[in-house]
PDB file of N, CA and C in Angstrom:
ATOM      1  N   MET A   1       0.854  -1.169   0.000  1.00  0.00           N
ATOM      2  CA  MET A   1       0.000   0.000   0.000  1.00  0.00           C
ATOM      3  C   MET A   1       0.898   1.229   0.000  1.00  0.00           C
ATOM      4  N   THR A   2       0.611   2.158  -0.855  1.00  0.00           N
ATOM      5  CA  THR A   2       1.345   3.414  -0.895  1.00  0.00           C
ATOM      6  C   THR A   2       0.501   4.470  -0.206  1.00  0.00           C
ATOM      7  N   LEU A   3       1.061   5.085   0.795  1.00  0.00           N
ATOM      8  CA  LEU A   3       0.352   6.135   1.502  1.00  0.00           C
ATOM      9  C   LEU A   3       0.669   7.463   0.849  1.00  0.00           C
ATOM     10  N   GLU A   4      -0.345   8.098   0.305  1.00  0.00           N
ATOM     11  CA  GLU A   4      -0.167   9.419  -0.294  1.00  0.00           C
ATOM     12  C   GLU A   4      -0.718  10.427   0.691  1.00  0.00           C
ATOM     13  N   THR A   5       0.166  11.086   1.390  1.00  0.00           N
ATOM     14  CA  THR A   5      -0.292  12.024   2.407  1.00  0.00           C
ATOM     15  C   THR A   5      -0.275  13.444   1.900  1.00  0.00           C
ATOM     16  N   VAL A   6      -1.165  14.197   2.466  1.00  0.00           N
ATOM     17  CA  VAL A   6      -1.164  15.639   2.288  1.00  0.00           C
ATOM     18  C   VAL A   6      -0.324  16.150   3.453  1.00  0.00           C
ATOM     19  N   PRO A   7       0.552  17.119   3.252  1.00  0.00           N
ATOM     20  CA  PRO A   7       1.408  17.561   4.365  1.00  0.00           C
ATOM     21  C   PRO A   7       0.602  17.853   5.622  1.00  0.00           C
ATOM     22  N   SER A   8       1.036  17.266   6.724  1.00  0.00           N
ATOM     23  CA  SER A   8       0.353  17.431   7.995  1.00  0.00           C
ATOM     24  C   SER A   8       0.552  18.844   8.527  1.00  0.00           C
ATOM     25  N   THR A   9      -0.444  19.320   9.244  1.00  0.00           N
ATOM     26  CA  THR A   9      -0.327  20.639   9.850  1.00  0.00           C
ATOM     27  C   THR A   9       0.352  20.560  11.208  1.00  0.00           C
ATOM     28  N   HIS A  10       0.571  19.356  11.707  1.00  0.00           N
ATOM     29  CA  HIS A  10       1.163  19.188  13.029  1.00  0.00           C
ATOM     30  C   HIS A  10       2.517  18.508  12.937  1.00  0.00           C
ATOM     31  N   THR A  11       3.437  18.999  13.732  1.00  0.00           N
ATOM     32  CA  THR A  11       4.730  18.357  13.924  1.00  0.00           C
ATOM     33  C   THR A  11       4.973  18.357  15.422  1.00  0.00           C
ATOM     34  N   PRO A  12       5.840  17.470  15.915  1.00  0.00           N
ATOM     35  CA  PRO A  12       6.100  17.492  17.368  1.00  0.00           C
ATOM     36  C   PRO A  12       6.588  18.860  17.861  1.00  0.00           C
ATOM     37  N   GLU A  13       7.416  19.539  17.065  1.00  0.00           N
ATOM     38  CA  GLU A  13       7.923  20.848  17.475  1.00  0.00           C
ATOM     39  C   GLU A  13       6.797  21.870  17.552  1.00  0.00           C
ATOM     40  N   LYS A  14       5.936  21.860  16.539  1.00  0.00           N
ATOM     41  CA  LYS A  14       4.820  22.806  16.522  1.00  0.00           C
ATOM     42  C   LYS A  14       3.859  22.507  17.666  1.00  0.00           C
ATOM     43  N   GLU A  15       3.633  21.220  17.932  1.00  0.00           N
ATOM     44  CA  GLU A  15       2.739  20.834  19.017  1.00  0.00           C
ATOM     45  C   GLU A  15       3.277  21.324  20.360  1.00  0.00           C
ATOM     46  N   LYS A  16       4.590  21.231  20.572  1.00  0.00           N
ATOM     47  CA  LYS A  16       5.186  21.695  21.826  1.00  0.00           C
ATOM     48  C   LYS A  16       4.980  23.197  21.991  1.00  0.00           C
ATOM     49  N   LYS A  17       5.187  23.963  20.915  1.00  0.00           N
ATOM     50  CA  LYS A  17       4.980  25.407  20.976  1.00  0.00           C
ATOM     51  C   LYS A  17       3.527  25.732  21.279  1.00  0.00           C
ATOM     52  N   MET A  18       2.605  24.984  20.627  1.00  0.00           N
ATOM     53  CA  MET A  18       1.189  25.232  20.838  1.00  0.00           C
ATOM     54  C   MET A  18       0.798  24.948  22.272  1.00  0.00           C
ATOM     55  N   SER A  19       1.317  23.832  22.839  1.00  0.00           N
ATOM     56  CA  SER A  19       0.915  23.476  24.194  1.00  0.00           C
ATOM     57  C   SER A  19       1.487  24.449  25.219  1.00  0.00           C
ATOM     58  N   ASN A  20       2.592  25.125  24.892  1.00  0.00           N
ATOM     59  CA  ASN A  20       3.146  26.119  25.797  1.00  0.00           C
ATOM     60  C   ASN A  20       2.383  27.432  25.745  1.00  0.00           C
ATOM     61  N   SER A  21       1.714  27.705  24.629  1.00  0.00           N
ATOM     62  CA  SER A  21       1.052  28.988  24.470  1.00  0.00           C
ATOM     63  C   SER A  21      -0.364  29.019  25.054  1.00  0.00           C
ATOM     64  N   TYR A  22      -0.978  27.876  25.224  1.00  0.00           N
ATOM     65  CA  TYR A  22      -2.309  27.825  25.818  1.00  0.00           C
ATOM     66  C   TYR A  22      -2.572  26.413  26.331  1.00  0.00           C
ATOM     67  N   THR A  23      -3.554  26.308  27.192  1.00  0.00           N
ATOM     68  CA  THR A  23      -3.925  24.995  27.704  1.00  0.00           C
ATOM     69  C   THR A  23      -5.182  24.562  26.967  1.00  0.00           C
ATOM     70  N   ALA A  24      -5.024  23.573  26.116  1.00  0.00           N
ATOM     71  CA  ALA A  24      -6.151  23.086  25.326  1.00  0.00           C
ATOM     72  C   ALA A  24      -6.876  21.978  26.080  1.00  0.00           C
ATOM     73  N   ASP A  25      -8.141  21.859  25.799  1.00  0.00           N
ATOM     74  CA  ASP A  25      -8.937  20.766  26.337  1.00  0.00           C
ATOM     75  C   ASP A  25      -8.392  19.467  25.761  1.00  0.00           C
ATOM     76  N   PRO A  26      -8.014  18.488  26.592  1.00  0.00           N
ATOM     77  CA  PRO A  26      -7.443  17.247  26.066  1.00  0.00           C
ATOM     78  C   PRO A  26      -8.406  16.468  25.180  1.00  0.00           C
ATOM     79  N   ASN A  27      -9.694  16.766  25.256  1.00  0.00           N
ATOM     80  CA  ASN A  27     -10.675  16.070  24.418  1.00  0.00           C
ATOM     81  C   ASN A  27     -11.013  16.829  23.140  1.00  0.00           C
ATOM     82  N   SER A  28     -10.435  18.009  22.943  1.00  0.00           N
ATOM     83  CA  SER A  28     -10.749  18.756  21.726  1.00  0.00           C
ATOM     84  C   SER A  28     -10.145  18.037  20.516  1.00  0.00           C
ATOM     85  N   PRO A  29     -10.835  18.076  19.386  1.00  0.00           N
ATOM     86  CA  PRO A  29     -10.347  17.368  18.195  1.00  0.00           C
ATOM     87  C   PRO A  29      -9.191  18.111  17.528  1.00  0.00           C
ATOM     88  N   ASN A  30      -8.208  17.342  17.063  1.00  0.00           N
ATOM     89  CA  ASN A  30      -7.068  17.882  16.321  1.00  0.00           C
ATOM     90  C   ASN A  30      -6.830  17.038  15.084  1.00  0.00           C
ATOM     91  N   VAL A  31      -6.461  17.687  13.982  1.00  0.00           N
ATOM     92  CA  VAL A  31      -6.113  16.970  12.760  1.00  0.00           C
ATOM     93  C   VAL A  31      -4.714  16.391  12.936  1.00  0.00           C
ATOM     94  N   LEU A  32      -4.604  15.083  12.833  1.00  0.00           N
ATOM     95  CA  LEU A  32      -3.309  14.406  12.901  1.00  0.00           C
ATOM     96  C   LEU A  32      -2.608  14.504  11.557  1.00  0.00           C
ATOM     97  N   THR A  33      -3.312  14.153  10.495  1.00  0.00           N
ATOM     98  CA  THR A  33      -2.756  14.177   9.148  1.00  0.00           C
ATOM     99  C   THR A  33      -3.898  14.109   8.153  1.00  0.00           C
ATOM    100  N   ARG A  34      -3.563  14.246   6.882  1.00  0.00           N
ATOM    101  CA  ARG A  34      -4.567  14.185   5.808  1.00  0.00           C
ATOM    102  C   ARG A  34      -4.085  13.232   4.724  1.00  0.00           C
ATOM    103  N   PHE A  35      -5.027  12.559   4.079  1.00  0.00           N
ATOM    104  CA  PHE A  35      -4.721  11.634   2.997  1.00  0.00           C
ATOM    105  C   PHE A  35      -5.604  11.932   1.801  1.00  0.00           C
ATOM    106  N   LEU A  36      -5.178  11.439   0.655  1.00  0.00           N
ATOM    107  CA  LEU A  36      -5.953  11.637  -0.564  1.00  0.00           C
ATOM    108  C   LEU A  36      -7.063  10.612  -0.723  1.00  0.00           C
ATOM    109  N   SER A  37      -7.066   9.549   0.096  1.00  0.00           N
ATOM    110  CA  SER A  37      -8.146   8.565   0.008  1.00  0.00           C
ATOM    111  C   SER A  37      -8.547   8.086   1.399  1.00  0.00           C
ATOM    112  N   GLU A  38      -9.787   7.640   1.487  1.00  0.00           N
ATOM    113  CA  GLU A  38     -10.311   7.138   2.750  1.00  0.00           C
ATOM    114  C   GLU A  38      -9.614   5.847   3.164  1.00  0.00           C
ATOM    115  N   ILE A  39      -9.211   5.031   2.207  1.00  0.00           N
ATOM    116  CA  ILE A  39      -8.570   3.752   2.506  1.00  0.00           C
ATOM    117  C   ILE A  39      -7.304   3.970   3.338  1.00  0.00           C
ATOM    118  N   GLU A  40      -6.496   4.930   2.945  1.00  0.00           N
ATOM    119  CA  GLU A  40      -5.261   5.218   3.670  1.00  0.00           C
ATOM    120  C   GLU A  40      -5.550   5.757   5.069  1.00  0.00           C
ATOM    121  N   ALA A  41      -6.539   6.622   5.168  1.00  0.00           N
ATOM    122  CA  ALA A  41      -6.890   7.193   6.465  1.00  0.00           C
ATOM    123  C   ALA A  41      -7.390   6.120   7.424  1.00  0.00           C
ATOM    124  N   VAL A  42      -8.184   5.189   6.922  1.00  0.00           N
ATOM    125  CA  VAL A  42      -8.706   4.111   7.764  1.00  0.00           C
ATOM    126  C   VAL A  42      -7.578   3.188   8.218  1.00  0.00           C
ATOM    127  N   ALA A  43      -6.576   2.978   7.376  1.00  0.00           N
ATOM    128  CA  ALA A  43      -5.421   2.163   7.782  1.00  0.00           C
ATOM    129  C   ALA A  43      -4.708   2.807   8.970  1.00  0.00           C
ATOM    130  N   ILE A  44      -4.560   4.129   8.945  1.00  0.00           N
ATOM    131  CA  ILE A  44      -3.937   4.837  10.059  1.00  0.00           C
ATOM    132  C   ILE A  44      -4.813   4.735  11.309  1.00  0.00           C
ATOM    133  N   LEU A  45      -6.123   4.875  11.146  1.00  0.00           N
ATOM    134  CA  LEU A  45      -7.026   4.746  12.293  1.00  0.00           C
ATOM    135  C   LEU A  45      -6.897   3.375  12.939  1.00  0.00           C
ATOM    136  N   SER A  46      -6.750   2.335  12.134  1.00  0.00           N
ATOM    137  CA  SER A  46      -6.601   0.974  12.675  1.00  0.00           C
ATOM    138  C   SER A  46      -5.326   0.850  13.492  1.00  0.00           C
ATOM    139  N   ALA A  47      -4.233   1.411  12.983  1.00  0.00           N
ATOM    140  CA  ALA A  47      -2.961   1.369  13.708  1.00  0.00           C
ATOM    141  C   ALA A  47      -3.062   2.149  15.016  1.00  0.00           C
ATOM    142  N   LEU A  48      -3.730   3.276  14.996  1.00  0.00           N
ATOM    143  CA  LEU A  48      -3.909   4.062  16.213  1.00  0.00           C
ATOM    144  C   LEU A  48      -4.775   3.310  17.222  1.00  0.00           C
ATOM    145  N   ALA A  49      -5.826   2.657  16.749  1.00  0.00           N
ATOM    146  CA  ALA A  49      -6.723   1.905  17.629  1.00  0.00           C
ATOM    147  C   ALA A  49      -5.982   0.765  18.325  1.00  0.00           C
ATOM    148  N   GLU A  50      -5.036   0.132  17.615  1.00  0.00           N
ATOM    149  CA  GLU A  50      -4.240  -0.936  18.224  1.00  0.00           C
ATOM    150  C   GLU A  50      -3.416  -0.417  19.397  1.00  0.00           C
ATOM    151  N   SER A  51      -3.128   0.875  19.402  1.00  0.00           N
ATOM    152  CA  SER A  51      -2.369   1.491  20.488  1.00  0.00           C
ATOM    153  C   SER A  51      -3.274   2.196  21.495  1.00  0.00           C
ATOM    154  N   GLY A  52      -4.573   2.001  21.365  1.00  0.00           N
ATOM    155  CA  GLY A  52      -5.516   2.575  22.317  1.00  0.00           C
ATOM    156  C   GLY A  52      -5.906   4.009  22.051  1.00  0.00           C
ATOM    157  N   ILE A  53      -5.641   4.501  20.852  1.00  0.00           N
ATOM    158  CA  ILE A  53      -5.993   5.878  20.505  1.00  0.00           C
ATOM    159  C   ILE A  53      -7.233   5.869  19.624  1.00  0.00           C
ATOM    160  N   GLU A  54      -8.280   6.527  20.097  1.00  0.00           N
ATOM    161  CA  GLU A  54      -9.500   6.640  19.304  1.00  0.00           C
ATOM    162  C   GLU A  54      -9.371   7.800  18.335  1.00  0.00           C
ATOM    163  N   GLY A  55      -9.945   7.637  17.173  1.00  0.00           N
ATOM    164  CA  GLY A  55      -9.932   8.701  16.178  1.00  0.00           C
ATOM    165  C   GLY A  55     -11.086   8.540  15.222  1.00  0.00           C
ATOM    166  N   THR A  56     -11.177   9.479  14.307  1.00  0.00           N
ATOM    167  CA  THR A  56     -12.214   9.430  13.295  1.00  0.00           C
ATOM    168  C   THR A  56     -11.678  10.105  12.043  1.00  0.00           C
ATOM    169  N   THR A  57     -12.450  10.050  10.973  1.00  0.00           N
ATOM    170  CA  THR A  57     -12.062  10.722   9.740  1.00  0.00           C
ATOM    171  C   THR A  57     -13.155  11.715   9.339  1.00  0.00           C
ATOM    172  N   THR A  58     -12.750  12.728   8.617  1.00  0.00           N
ATOM    173  CA  THR A  58     -13.695  13.656   8.018  1.00  0.00           C
ATOM    174  C   THR A  58     -13.263  13.900   6.582  1.00  0.00           C
ATOM    175  N   GLY A  59     -14.213  14.209   5.722  1.00  0.00           N
ATOM    176  CA  GLY A  59     -13.895  14.539   4.343  1.00  0.00           C
ATOM    177  C   GLY A  59     -14.026  13.391   3.371  1.00  0.00           C
ATOM    178  N   SER A  60     -14.481  12.230   3.836  1.00  0.00           N
ATOM    179  CA  SER A  60     -14.561  11.052   2.978  1.00  0.00           C
ATOM    180  C   SER A  60     -15.424  11.267   1.741  1.00  0.00           C
ATOM    181  N   PHE A  61     -16.503  11.980   1.889  1.00  0.00           N
ATOM    182  CA  PHE A  61     -17.435  12.117   0.775  1.00  0.00           C
ATOM    183  C   PHE A  61     -16.979  13.121  -0.273  1.00  0.00           C
ATOM    184  N   THR A  62     -15.968  13.907   0.034  1.00  0.00           N
ATOM    185  CA  THR A  62     -15.499  14.884  -0.949  1.00  0.00           C
ATOM    186  C   THR A  62     -14.191  14.469  -1.614  1.00  0.00           C
ATOM    187  N   THR A  63     -13.754  13.238  -1.392  1.00  0.00           N
ATOM    188  CA  THR A  63     -12.555  12.764  -2.084  1.00  0.00           C
ATOM    189  C   THR A  63     -12.926  12.391  -3.510  1.00  0.00           C
ATOM    190  N   GLY A  64     -11.947  12.379  -4.377  1.00  0.00           N
ATOM    191  CA  GLY A  64     -12.161  12.112  -5.791  1.00  0.00           C
ATOM    192  C   GLY A  64     -12.859  10.807  -6.085  1.00  0.00           C
ATOM    193  N   PHE A  65     -12.636   9.788  -5.248  1.00  0.00           N
ATOM    194  CA  PHE A  65     -13.231   8.478  -5.493  1.00  0.00           C
ATOM    195  C   PHE A  65     -14.749   8.526  -5.477  1.00  0.00           C
ATOM    196  N   GLN A  66     -15.317   9.338  -4.596  1.00  0.00           N
ATOM    197  CA  GLN A  66     -16.763   9.334  -4.448  1.00  0.00           C
ATOM    198  C   GLN A  66     -17.468  10.442  -5.219  1.00  0.00           C
ATOM    199  N   THR A  67     -16.866  11.604  -5.332  1.00  0.00           N
ATOM    200  CA  THR A  67     -17.572  12.696  -5.996  1.00  0.00           C
ATOM    201  C   THR A  67     -16.788  13.314  -7.144  1.00  0.00           C
ATOM    202  N   GLU A  68     -15.584  12.793  -7.392  1.00  0.00           N
ATOM    203  CA  GLU A  68     -14.700  13.361  -8.409  1.00  0.00           C
ATOM    204  C   GLU A  68     -14.377  14.820  -8.138  1.00  0.00           C
ATOM    205  N   ALA A  69     -14.485  15.209  -6.871  1.00  0.00           N
ATOM    206  CA  ALA A  69     -14.129  16.571  -6.475  1.00  0.00           C
ATOM    207  C   ALA A  69     -12.806  16.527  -5.731  1.00  0.00           C
ATOM    208  N   PRO A  70     -12.002  17.574  -5.865  1.00  0.00           N
ATOM    209  CA  PRO A  70     -10.749  17.567  -5.115  1.00  0.00           C
ATOM    210  C   PRO A  70     -11.030  17.653  -3.620  1.00  0.00           C
ATOM    211  N   GLY A  71     -10.287  16.927  -2.863  1.00  0.00           N
ATOM    212  CA  GLY A  71     -10.464  16.955  -1.421  1.00  0.00           C
ATOM    213  C   GLY A  71      -9.535  15.964  -0.771  1.00  0.00           C
ATOM    214  N   ASP A  72      -9.533  15.969   0.543  1.00  0.00           N
ATOM    215  CA  ASP A  72      -8.720  15.011   1.264  1.00  0.00           C
ATOM    216  C   ASP A  72      -9.487  14.521   2.482  1.00  0.00           C
ATOM    217  N   VAL A  73      -8.965  13.465   3.079  1.00  0.00           N
ATOM    218  CA  VAL A  73      -9.575  12.872   4.262  1.00  0.00           C
ATOM    219  C   VAL A  73      -8.672  13.186   5.443  1.00  0.00           C
ATOM    220  N   SER A  74      -9.228  13.830   6.443  1.00  0.00           N
ATOM    221  CA  SER A  74      -8.466  14.171   7.648  1.00  0.00           C
ATOM    222  C   SER A  74      -8.631  13.077   8.691  1.00  0.00           C
ATOM    223  N   VAL A  75      -7.541  12.749   9.360  1.00  0.00           N
ATOM    224  CA  VAL A  75      -7.579  11.839  10.503  1.00  0.00           C
ATOM    225  C   VAL A  75      -7.575  12.723  11.741  1.00  0.00           C
ATOM    226  N   ILE A  76      -8.613  12.580  12.561  1.00  0.00           N
ATOM    227  CA  ILE A  76      -8.825  13.423  13.732  1.00  0.00           C
ATOM    228  C   ILE A  76      -8.610  12.602  15.001  1.00  0.00           C
ATOM    229  N   VAL A  77      -7.836  13.140  15.947  1.00  0.00           N
ATOM    230  CA  VAL A  77      -7.641  12.508  17.249  1.00  0.00           C
ATOM    231  C   VAL A  77      -7.840  13.555  18.341  1.00  0.00           C
ATOM    232  N   ARG A  78      -7.991  13.085  19.572  1.00  0.00           N
ATOM    233  CA  ARG A  78      -8.116  14.008  20.699  1.00  0.00           C
ATOM    234  C   ARG A  78      -6.793  14.733  20.918  1.00  0.00           C
ATOM    235  N   HIS A  79      -6.886  15.971  21.365  1.00  0.00           N
ATOM    236  CA  HIS A  79      -5.693  16.774  21.631  1.00  0.00           C
ATOM    237  C   HIS A  79      -4.748  16.046  22.594  1.00  0.00           C
ATOM    238  N   GLY A  80      -5.299  15.410  23.614  1.00  0.00           N
ATOM    239  CA  GLY A  80      -4.484  14.703  24.590  1.00  0.00           C
ATOM    240  C   GLY A  80      -3.742  13.515  24.003  1.00  0.00           C
ATOM    241  N   ASP A  81      -4.249  12.942  22.901  1.00  0.00           N
ATOM    242  CA  ASP A  81      -3.614  11.792  22.246  1.00  0.00           C
ATOM    243  C   ASP A  81      -2.677  12.206  21.116  1.00  0.00           C
ATOM    244  N   LEU A  82      -2.683  13.488  20.763  1.00  0.00           N
ATOM    245  CA  LEU A  82      -1.936  13.944  19.592  1.00  0.00           C
ATOM    246  C   LEU A  82      -0.432  13.646  19.654  1.00  0.00           C
ATOM    247  N   PRO A  83       0.261  13.918  20.761  1.00  0.00           N
ATOM    248  CA  PRO A  83       1.701  13.619  20.773  1.00  0.00           C
ATOM    249  C   PRO A  83       2.014  12.146  20.518  1.00  0.00           C
ATOM    250  N   ARG A  84       1.262  11.250  21.162  1.00  0.00           N
ATOM    251  CA  ARG A  84       1.492   9.812  20.956  1.00  0.00           C
ATOM    252  C   ARG A  84       1.103   9.388  19.546  1.00  0.00           C
ATOM    253  N   ALA A  85       0.025   9.965  19.010  1.00  0.00           N
ATOM    254  CA  ALA A  85      -0.411   9.644  17.646  1.00  0.00           C
ATOM    255  C   ALA A  85       0.647  10.089  16.635  1.00  0.00           C
ATOM    256  N   LEU A  86       1.276  11.243  16.872  1.00  0.00           N
ATOM    257  CA  LEU A  86       2.350  11.712  15.989  1.00  0.00           C
ATOM    258  C   LEU A  86       3.530  10.745  16.017  1.00  0.00           C
ATOM    259  N   GLU A  87       3.857  10.204  17.201  1.00  0.00           N
ATOM    260  CA  GLU A  87       4.943   9.235  17.312  1.00  0.00           C
ATOM    261  C   GLU A  87       4.619   7.963  16.521  1.00  0.00           C
ATOM    262  N   ILE A  88       3.386   7.487  16.640  1.00  0.00           N
ATOM    263  CA  ILE A  88       2.969   6.278  15.921  1.00  0.00           C
ATOM    264  C   ILE A  88       3.031   6.524  14.420  1.00  0.00           C
ATOM    265  N   LEU A  89       2.565   7.679  13.978  1.00  0.00           N
ATOM    266  CA  LEU A  89       2.590   8.016  12.555  1.00  0.00           C
ATOM    267  C   LEU A  89       4.030   8.065  12.045  1.00  0.00           C
ATOM    268  N   ALA A  90       4.928   8.650  12.824  1.00  0.00           N
ATOM    269  CA  ALA A  90       6.342   8.718  12.431  1.00  0.00           C
ATOM    270  C   ALA A  90       6.949   7.320  12.337  1.00  0.00           C
ATOM    271  N   THR A  91       6.616   6.446  13.281  1.00  0.00           N
ATOM    272  CA  THR A  91       7.113   5.074  13.264  1.00  0.00           C
ATOM    273  C   THR A  91       6.607   4.339  12.029  1.00  0.00           C
ATOM    274  N   MET A  92       5.345   4.555  11.688  1.00  0.00           N
ATOM    275  CA  MET A  92       4.777   3.911  10.496  1.00  0.00           C
ATOM    276  C   MET A  92       5.495   4.387   9.237  1.00  0.00           C
ATOM    277  N   ASP A  93       5.807   5.678   9.171  1.00  0.00           N
ATOM    278  CA  ASP A  93       6.526   6.219   8.013  1.00  0.00           C
ATOM    279  C   ASP A  93       7.915   5.593   7.903  1.00  0.00           C
ATOM    280  N   GLU A  94       8.599   5.418   9.042  1.00  0.00           N
ATOM    281  CA  GLU A  94       9.924   4.802   9.040  1.00  0.00           C
ATOM    282  C   GLU A  94       9.845   3.351   8.574  1.00  0.00           C
ATOM    283  N   GLU A  95       8.868   2.611   9.093  1.00  0.00           N
ATOM    284  CA  GLU A  95       8.716   1.201   8.719  1.00  0.00           C
ATOM    285  C   GLU A  95       8.389   1.065   7.241  1.00  0.00           C
ATOM    286  N   LYS A  96       7.559   1.978   6.736  1.00  0.00           N
ATOM    287  CA  LYS A  96       7.179   1.944   5.322  1.00  0.00           C
ATOM    288  C   LYS A  96       8.400   2.136   4.436  1.00  0.00           C
ATOM    289  N   SER A  97       9.290   3.023   4.828  1.00  0.00           N
ATOM    290  CA  SER A  97      10.461   3.306   4.008  1.00  0.00           C
ATOM    291  C   SER A  97      11.492   2.189   4.079  1.00  0.00           C
ATOM    292  N   GLU A  98      11.397   1.317   5.086  1.00  0.00           N
ATOM    293  CA  GLU A  98      12.349   0.218   5.234  1.00  0.00           C
ATOM    294  C   GLU A  98      11.977  -1.012   4.417  1.00  0.00           C
ATOM    295  N   ILE A  99      10.806  -1.042   3.810  1.00  0.00           N
ATOM    296  CA  ILE A  99      10.364  -2.211   3.038  1.00  0.00           C
ATOM    297  C   ILE A  99      11.112  -2.247   1.714  1.00  0.00           C
ATOM    298  N   ASP A 100      11.713  -3.377   1.423  1.00  0.00           N
ATOM    299  CA  ASP A 100      12.384  -3.577   0.140  1.00  0.00           C
ATOM    300  C   ASP A 100      11.378  -4.238  -0.812  1.00  0.00           C
ATOM    301  N   TRP A 101      10.683  -3.420  -1.587  1.00  0.00           N
ATOM    302  CA  TRP A 101       9.603  -3.917  -2.429  1.00  0.00           C
ATOM    303  C   TRP A 101      10.098  -4.852  -3.530  1.00  0.00           C
ATOM    304  N   SER A 102      11.383  -4.844  -3.821  1.00  0.00           N
ATOM    305  CA  SER A 102      11.899  -5.772  -4.834  1.00  0.00           C
ATOM    306  C   SER A 102      11.862  -7.213  -4.331  1.00  0.00           C
ATOM    307  N   ASN A 103      11.736  -7.408  -3.019  1.00  0.00           N
ATOM    308  CA  ASN A 103      11.674  -8.759  -2.442  1.00  0.00           C
ATOM    309  C   ASN A 103      10.255  -9.172  -2.038  1.00  0.00           C
ATOM    310  N   VAL A 104       9.272  -8.373  -2.348  1.00  0.00           N
ATOM    311  CA  VAL A 104       7.897  -8.670  -1.979  1.00  0.00           C
ATOM    312  C   VAL A 104       7.186  -9.351  -3.136  1.00  0.00           C
ATOM    313  N   ASP A 105       6.608 -10.526  -2.863  1.00  0.00           N
ATOM    314  CA  ASP A 105       5.869 -11.261  -3.878  1.00  0.00           C
ATOM    315  C   ASP A 105       4.440 -10.740  -3.907  1.00  0.00           C
ATOM    316  N   VAL A 106       4.084 -10.045  -4.970  1.00  0.00           N
ATOM    317  CA  VAL A 106       2.723  -9.488  -5.079  1.00  0.00           C
ATOM    318  C   VAL A 106       1.816 -10.367  -5.912  1.00  0.00           C
ATOM    319  N   GLY A 107       2.316 -11.528  -6.320  1.00  0.00           N
ATOM    320  CA  GLY A 107       1.502 -12.472  -7.075  1.00  0.00           C
ATOM    321  C   GLY A 107       1.543 -12.189  -8.574  1.00  0.00           C
ATOM    322  N   GLU A 108       0.770 -12.978  -9.272  1.00  0.00           N
ATOM    323  CA  GLU A 108       0.684 -12.852 -10.727  1.00  0.00           C
ATOM    324  C   GLU A 108      -0.396 -11.845 -11.104  1.00  0.00           C
ATOM    325  N   PRO A 109      -0.192 -11.092 -12.189  1.00  0.00           N
ATOM    326  CA  PRO A 109      -1.232 -10.151 -12.635  1.00  0.00           C
ATOM    327  C   PRO A 109      -2.487 -10.909 -13.052  1.00  0.00           C
ATOM    328  N   GLU A 110      -3.628 -10.312 -12.755  1.00  0.00           N
ATOM    329  CA  GLU A 110      -4.895 -10.904 -13.161  1.00  0.00           C
ATOM    330  C   GLU A 110      -5.159 -10.557 -14.620  1.00  0.00           C
ATOM    331  N   ASP A 111      -5.783 -11.495 -15.317  1.00  0.00           N
ATOM    332  CA  ASP A 111      -6.189 -11.223 -16.692  1.00  0.00           C
ATOM    333  C   ASP A 111      -7.430 -10.366 -16.689  1.00  0.00           C
ATOM    334  N   ALA A 112      -7.445  -9.385 -17.583  1.00  0.00           N
ATOM    335  CA  ALA A 112      -8.589  -8.460 -17.618  1.00  0.00           C
ATOM    336  C   ALA A 112      -9.762  -9.057 -18.323  1.00  0.00           C
TER     337      ALA A 112
END
């Protein structure tokens, strides 16, 4: 699976600055990252759920797959879970880049 992400608005450094400037409600929703398809966003939600982080997606109906309109799918988590969710996302990105796809058997092409 290739994850096509839209640049995230959050980074650990930015999150630290934000948390120093005000005290946010730990249950307030924050955008973790954005994807071009719902499939990719749901994969991230599953990984977060395995670590005990609840989340949701928004924007599914405006992605190109469903309406042919430009848009993206946002992965939303609680503010209190955001630092840990960012760590999980970073770990997933590292693991993804370590895969040697030349050694992966993807099977035989299907006949059309």
